[in-house]
PDB file of N, CA and C in Angstrom:
ATOM      1  N   MET A   1      12.739 -21.263   0.915  1.00  0.00           N
ATOM      2  CA  MET A   1      11.806 -20.381   0.246  1.00  0.00           C
ATOM      3  C   MET A   1      12.488 -19.036   0.031  1.00  0.00           C
ATOM      4  N   LYS A   2      12.401 -18.506  -1.168  1.00  0.00           N
ATOM      5  CA  LYS A   2      13.039 -17.242  -1.504  1.00  0.00           C
ATOM      6  C   LYS A   2      11.976 -16.161  -1.676  1.00  0.00           C
ATOM      7  N   PHE A   3      12.132 -15.044  -0.987  1.00  0.00           N
ATOM      8  CA  PHE A   3      11.212 -13.928  -1.118  1.00  0.00           C
ATOM      9  C   PHE A   3      11.896 -12.825  -1.907  1.00  0.00           C
ATOM     10  N   THR A   4      11.231 -12.297  -2.922  1.00  0.00           N
ATOM     11  CA  THR A   4      11.798 -11.231  -3.737  1.00  0.00           C
ATOM     12  C   THR A   4      10.850 -10.052  -3.788  1.00  0.00           C
ATOM     13  N   CYS A   5      11.389  -8.891  -4.020  1.00  0.00           N
ATOM     14  CA  CYS A   5      10.607  -7.658  -4.209  1.00  0.00           C
ATOM     15  C   CYS A   5       9.699  -7.339  -3.034  1.00  0.00           C
ATOM     16  N   TRP A   6      10.149  -7.608  -1.822  1.00  0.00           N
ATOM     17  CA  TRP A   6       9.350  -7.296  -0.632  1.00  0.00           C
ATOM     18  C   TRP A   6       8.894  -5.853  -0.632  1.00  0.00           C
ATOM     19  N   SER A   7       9.825  -4.906  -0.844  1.00  0.00           N
ATOM     20  CA  SER A   7       9.470  -3.495  -0.743  1.00  0.00           C
ATOM     21  C   SER A   7       8.798  -2.966  -2.000  1.00  0.00           C
ATOM     22  N   GLN A   8       8.701  -3.759  -3.055  1.00  0.00           N
ATOM     23  CA  GLN A   8       8.091  -3.278  -4.292  1.00  0.00           C
ATOM     24  C   GLN A   8       6.723  -3.898  -4.541  1.00  0.00           C
ATOM     25  N   SER A   9       6.121  -4.417  -3.516  1.00  0.00           N
ATOM     26  CA  SER A   9       4.809  -5.021  -3.659  1.00  0.00           C
ATOM     27  C   SER A   9       3.766  -3.962  -3.994  1.00  0.00           C
ATOM     28  N   PRO A  10       2.738  -4.328  -4.749  1.00  0.00           N
ATOM     29  CA  PRO A  10       1.665  -3.369  -5.044  1.00  0.00           C
ATOM     30  C   PRO A  10       0.923  -2.898  -3.805  1.00  0.00           C
ATOM     31  N   GLU A  11       0.943  -3.700  -2.767  1.00  0.00           N
ATOM     32  CA  GLU A  11       0.335  -3.290  -1.504  1.00  0.00           C
ATOM     33  C   GLU A  11       1.450  -3.109  -0.487  1.00  0.00           C
ATOM     34  N   THR A  12       1.253  -2.190   0.407  1.00  0.00           N
ATOM     35  CA  THR A  12       2.293  -1.895   1.387  1.00  0.00           C
ATOM     36  C   THR A  12       1.887  -2.322   2.784  1.00  0.00           C
ATOM     37  N   LEU A  13       2.860  -2.594   3.603  1.00  0.00           N
ATOM     38  CA  LEU A  13       2.605  -2.876   5.012  1.00  0.00           C
ATOM     39  C   LEU A  13       2.604  -1.585   5.821  1.00  0.00           C
ATOM     40  N   ILE A  14       2.948  -0.463   5.194  1.00  0.00           N
ATOM     41  CA  ILE A  14       2.972   0.838   5.853  1.00  0.00           C
ATOM     42  C   ILE A  14       1.533   1.332   5.996  1.00  0.00           C
ATOM     43  N   THR A  15       1.119   1.620   7.236  1.00  0.00           N
ATOM     44  CA  THR A  15      -0.272   2.033   7.471  1.00  0.00           C
ATOM     45  C   THR A  15      -0.434   3.522   7.714  1.00  0.00           C
ATOM     46  N   ASN A  16       0.664   4.231   7.993  1.00  0.00           N
ATOM     47  CA  ASN A  16       0.536   5.635   8.385  1.00  0.00           C
ATOM     48  C   ASN A  16       0.622   6.604   7.211  1.00  0.00           C
ATOM     49  N   ALA A  17       0.611   6.103   5.984  1.00  0.00           N
ATOM     50  CA  ALA A  17       0.708   6.979   4.816  1.00  0.00           C
ATOM     51  C   ALA A  17      -0.215   6.479   3.706  1.00  0.00           C
ATOM     52  N   PRO A  18      -1.523   6.657   3.873  1.00  0.00           N
ATOM     53  CA  PRO A  18      -2.471   6.185   2.860  1.00  0.00           C
ATOM     54  C   PRO A  18      -2.170   6.800   1.492  1.00  0.00           C
ATOM     55  N   GLY A  19      -2.211   5.970   0.463  1.00  0.00           N
ATOM     56  CA  GLY A  19      -1.970   6.448  -0.889  1.00  0.00           C
ATOM     57  C   GLY A  19      -0.505   6.552  -1.272  1.00  0.00           C
ATOM     58  N   TRP A  20       0.385   6.336  -0.328  1.00  0.00           N
ATOM     59  CA  TRP A  20       1.816   6.416  -0.594  1.00  0.00           C
ATOM     60  C   TRP A  20       2.236   5.210  -1.407  1.00  0.00           C
ATOM     61  N   ASP A  21       2.984   5.448  -2.487  1.00  0.00           N
ATOM     62  CA  ASP A  21       3.421   4.362  -3.355  1.00  0.00           C
ATOM     63  C   ASP A  21       4.851   3.980  -3.024  1.00  0.00           C
ATOM     64  N   GLU A  22       4.981   2.913  -2.309  1.00  0.00           N
ATOM     65  CA  GLU A  22       6.269   2.415  -1.846  1.00  0.00           C
ATOM     66  C   GLU A  22       7.226   2.117  -3.002  1.00  0.00           C
ATOM     67  N   ALA A  23       6.695   1.680  -4.145  1.00  0.00           N
ATOM     68  CA  ALA A  23       7.522   1.319  -5.292  1.00  0.00           C
ATOM     69  C   ALA A  23       8.219   2.532  -5.901  1.00  0.00           C
ATOM     70  N   ASP A  24       7.649   3.721  -5.718  1.00  0.00           N
ATOM     71  CA  ASP A  24       8.248   4.938  -6.274  1.00  0.00           C
ATOM     72  C   ASP A  24       9.193   5.634  -5.300  1.00  0.00           C
ATOM     73  N   ALA A  25       9.344   5.104  -4.115  1.00  0.00           N
ATOM     74  CA  ALA A  25      10.162   5.746  -3.085  1.00  0.00           C
ATOM     75  C   ALA A  25      11.589   5.204  -3.102  1.00  0.00           C
ATOM     76  N   THR A  26      12.510   6.030  -2.627  1.00  0.00           N
ATOM     77  CA  THR A  26      13.875   5.545  -2.451  1.00  0.00           C
ATOM     78  C   THR A  26      13.918   4.657  -1.217  1.00  0.00           C
ATOM     79  N   GLU A  27      14.996   3.918  -1.074  1.00  0.00           N
ATOM     80  CA  GLU A  27      15.135   3.071   0.104  1.00  0.00           C
ATOM     81  C   GLU A  27      15.133   3.923   1.374  1.00  0.00           C
ATOM     82  N   SER A  28      15.751   5.096   1.303  1.00  0.00           N
ATOM     83  CA  SER A  28      15.783   6.002   2.447  1.00  0.00           C
ATOM     84  C   SER A  28      14.374   6.458   2.827  1.00  0.00           C
ATOM     85  N   GLU A  29      13.557   6.801   1.840  1.00  0.00           N
ATOM     86  CA  GLU A  29      12.175   7.205   2.115  1.00  0.00           C
ATOM     87  C   GLU A  29      11.384   6.048   2.730  1.00  0.00           C
ATOM     88  N   GLN A  30      11.617   4.850   2.239  1.00  0.00           N
ATOM     89  CA  GLN A  30      10.943   3.682   2.798  1.00  0.00           C
ATOM     90  C   GLN A  30      11.341   3.484   4.256  1.00  0.00           C
ATOM     91  N   ASP A  31      12.622   3.686   4.553  1.00  0.00           N
ATOM     92  CA  ASP A  31      13.101   3.545   5.936  1.00  0.00           C
ATOM     93  C   ASP A  31      12.437   4.555   6.861  1.00  0.00           C
ATOM     94  N   VAL A  32      12.312   5.798   6.400  1.00  0.00           N
ATOM     95  CA  VAL A  32      11.689   6.848   7.220  1.00  0.00           C
ATOM     96  C   VAL A  32      10.227   6.495   7.485  1.00  0.00           C
ATOM     97  N   LYS A  33       9.512   6.055   6.456  1.00  0.00           N
ATOM     98  CA  LYS A  33       8.101   5.675   6.636  1.00  0.00           C
ATOM     99  C   LYS A  33       7.984   4.522   7.637  1.00  0.00           C
ATOM    100  N   ALA A  34       8.861   3.552   7.527  1.00  0.00           N
ATOM    101  CA  ALA A  34       8.825   2.422   8.453  1.00  0.00           C
ATOM    102  C   ALA A  34       9.109   2.875   9.879  1.00  0.00           C
ATOM    103  N   ASP A  35      10.062   3.787  10.046  1.00  0.00           N
ATOM    104  CA  ASP A  35      10.391   4.288  11.384  1.00  0.00           C
ATOM    105  C   ASP A  35       9.235   5.062  12.003  1.00  0.00           C
ATOM    106  N   MET A  36       8.372   5.642  11.173  1.00  0.00           N
ATOM    107  CA  MET A  36       7.259   6.448  11.669  1.00  0.00           C
ATOM    108  C   MET A  36       6.004   5.609  11.947  1.00  0.00           C
ATOM    109  N   GLU A  37       6.058   4.325  11.641  1.00  0.00           N
ATOM    110  CA  GLU A  37       4.919   3.453  11.894  1.00  0.00           C
ATOM    111  C   GLU A  37       4.642   3.361  13.393  1.00  0.00           C
ATOM    112  N   PRO A  38       3.377   3.283  13.771  1.00  0.00           N
ATOM    113  CA  PRO A  38       3.051   3.107  15.184  1.00  0.00           C
ATOM    114  C   PRO A  38       3.593   1.776  15.703  1.00  0.00           C
ATOM    115  N   TYR A  39       3.841   1.720  16.995  1.00  0.00           N
ATOM    116  CA  TYR A  39       4.350   0.498  17.618  1.00  0.00           C
ATOM    117  C   TYR A  39       3.334  -0.634  17.477  1.00  0.00           C
ATOM    118  N   VAL A  40       3.829  -1.789  17.089  1.00  0.00           N
ATOM    119  CA  VAL A  40       3.018  -3.004  17.039  1.00  0.00           C
ATOM    120  C   VAL A  40       3.799  -4.069  17.786  1.00  0.00           C
ATOM    121  N   ASP A  41       3.130  -4.756  18.696  1.00  0.00           N
ATOM    122  CA  ASP A  41       3.835  -5.769  19.469  1.00  0.00           C
ATOM    123  C   ASP A  41       4.338  -6.869  18.530  1.00  0.00           C
ATOM    124  N   PRO A  42       5.454  -7.504  18.880  1.00  0.00           N
ATOM    125  CA  PRO A  42       6.071  -8.504  17.995  1.00  0.00           C
ATOM    126  C   PRO A  42       5.147  -9.646  17.584  1.00  0.00           C
ATOM    127  N   LYS A  43       4.290 -10.103  18.482  1.00  0.00           N
ATOM    128  CA  LYS A  43       3.377 -11.201  18.162  1.00  0.00           C
ATOM    129  C   LYS A  43       2.413 -10.802  17.037  1.00  0.00           C
ATOM    130  N   THR A  44       1.859  -9.594  17.140  1.00  0.00           N
ATOM    131  CA  THR A  44       0.944  -9.101  16.108  1.00  0.00           C
ATOM    132  C   THR A  44       1.692  -8.870  14.802  1.00  0.00           C
ATOM    133  N   LEU A  45       2.878  -8.278  14.882  1.00  0.00           N
ATOM    134  CA  LEU A  45       3.681  -8.023  13.693  1.00  0.00           C
ATOM    135  C   LEU A  45       4.017  -9.326  12.967  1.00  0.00           C
ATOM    136  N   LYS A  46       4.370 -10.345  13.720  1.00  0.00           N
ATOM    137  CA  LYS A  46       4.684 -11.650  13.138  1.00  0.00           C
ATOM    138  C   LYS A  46       3.464 -12.218  12.409  1.00  0.00           C
ATOM    139  N   ARG A  47       2.308 -12.156  13.057  1.00  0.00           N
ATOM    140  CA  ARG A  47       1.080 -12.689  12.452  1.00  0.00           C
ATOM    141  C   ARG A  47       0.710 -11.929  11.189  1.00  0.00           C
ATOM    142  N   GLU A  48       0.733 -10.575  11.252  1.00  0.00           N
ATOM    143  CA  GLU A  48       0.365  -9.759  10.097  1.00  0.00           C
ATOM    144  C   GLU A  48       1.331  -9.951   8.940  1.00  0.00           C
ATOM    145  N   THR A  49       2.606 -10.072   9.242  1.00  0.00           N
ATOM    146  CA  THR A  49       3.599 -10.281   8.194  1.00  0.00           C
ATOM    147  C   THR A  49       3.393 -11.633   7.527  1.00  0.00           C
ATOM    148  N   ALA A  50       3.164 -12.664   8.318  1.00  0.00           N
ATOM    149  CA  ALA A  50       2.923 -13.997   7.766  1.00  0.00           C
ATOM    150  C   ALA A  50       1.676 -14.005   6.880  1.00  0.00           C
ATOM    151  N   GLU A  51       0.621 -13.319   7.305  1.00  0.00           N
ATOM    152  CA  GLU A  51      -0.601 -13.240   6.502  1.00  0.00           C
ATOM    153  C   GLU A  51      -0.348 -12.500   5.197  1.00  0.00           C
ATOM    154  N   TRP A  52       0.433 -11.417   5.259  1.00  0.00           N
ATOM    155  CA  TRP A  52       0.734 -10.636   4.064  1.00  0.00           C
ATOM    156  C   TRP A  52       1.535 -11.482   3.074  1.00  0.00           C
ATOM    157  N   ILE A  53       2.543 -12.177   3.570  1.00  0.00           N
ATOM    158  CA  ILE A  53       3.363 -13.021   2.694  1.00  0.00           C
ATOM    159  C   ILE A  53       2.508 -14.111   2.069  1.00  0.00           C
ATOM    160  N   GLU A  54       1.700 -14.748   2.872  1.00  0.00           N
ATOM    161  CA  GLU A  54       0.843 -15.819   2.371  1.00  0.00           C
ATOM    162  C   GLU A  54      -0.079 -15.325   1.253  1.00  0.00           C
ATOM    163  N   SER A  55      -0.552 -14.106   1.350  1.00  0.00           N
ATOM    164  CA  SER A  55      -1.470 -13.579   0.342  1.00  0.00           C
ATOM    165  C   SER A  55      -0.758 -13.047  -0.899  1.00  0.00           C
ATOM    166  N   HIS A  56       0.580 -12.934  -0.871  1.00  0.00           N
ATOM    167  CA  HIS A  56       1.327 -12.377  -2.001  1.00  0.00           C
ATOM    168  C   HIS A  56       2.342 -13.341  -2.606  1.00  0.00           C
ATOM    169  N   ILE A  57       2.399 -14.545  -2.131  1.00  0.00           N
ATOM    170  CA  ILE A  57       3.411 -15.501  -2.586  1.00  0.00           C
ATOM    171  C   ILE A  57       2.893 -16.275  -3.799  1.00  0.00           C
ATOM    172  N   ASP A  58       3.785 -16.538  -4.758  1.00  0.00           N
ATOM    173  CA  ASP A  58       3.374 -17.332  -5.917  1.00  0.00           C
ATOM    174  C   ASP A  58       3.704 -18.805  -5.691  1.00  0.00           C
ATOM    175  N   ASP A  59       3.423 -19.625  -6.663  1.00  0.00           N
ATOM    176  CA  ASP A  59       3.610 -21.071  -6.523  1.00  0.00           C
ATOM    177  C   ASP A  59       5.073 -21.480  -6.370  1.00  0.00           C
ATOM    178  N   ASP A  60       5.998 -20.605  -6.793  1.00  0.00           N
ATOM    179  CA  ASP A  60       7.426 -20.894  -6.678  1.00  0.00           C
ATOM    180  C   ASP A  60       8.025 -20.383  -5.374  1.00  0.00           C
ATOM    181  N   GLY A  61       7.212 -19.759  -4.521  1.00  0.00           N
ATOM    182  CA  GLY A  61       7.703 -19.255  -3.246  1.00  0.00           C
ATOM    183  C   GLY A  61       8.251 -17.841  -3.319  1.00  0.00           C
ATOM    184  N   ASN A  62       7.954 -17.117  -4.386  1.00  0.00           N
ATOM    185  CA  ASN A  62       8.425 -15.744  -4.545  1.00  0.00           C
ATOM    186  C   ASN A  62       7.294 -14.753  -4.361  1.00  0.00           C
ATOM    187  N   ILE A  63       7.658 -13.575  -3.880  1.00  0.00           N
ATOM    188  CA  ILE A  63       6.681 -12.484  -3.803  1.00  0.00           C
ATOM    189  C   ILE A  63       6.542 -11.909  -5.208  1.00  0.00           C
ATOM    190  N   GLU A  64       5.309 -11.665  -5.631  1.00  0.00           N
ATOM    191  CA  GLU A  64       5.047 -11.173  -6.982  1.00  0.00           C
ATOM    192  C   GLU A  64       5.742  -9.847  -7.238  1.00  0.00           C
ATOM    193  N   LYS A  65       6.320  -9.699  -8.409  1.00  0.00           N
ATOM    194  CA  LYS A  65       6.935  -8.431  -8.827  1.00  0.00           C
ATOM    195  C   LYS A  65       5.868  -7.571  -9.479  1.00  0.00           C
ATOM    196  N   ILE A  66       6.034  -6.251  -9.361  1.00  0.00           N
ATOM    197  CA  ILE A  66       5.084  -5.363 -10.023  1.00  0.00           C
ATOM    198  C   ILE A  66       5.675  -4.891 -11.318  1.00  0.00           C
TER     199      ILE A  66
END
């Protein structure tokens, strides 16, 4: 399964910056936002990530491009 455009999704996994548009940010800005995210235990992170991917994947196994 191939995942594309993870960081350019219309919805973000970043919770600490409401209204922030990840698609308009540089990779460096995205890294800083990710580093500032509150700690989430690995089990929860795995579950939330899997749910996010499942809700954004197309029939070919790709994440939708914006």
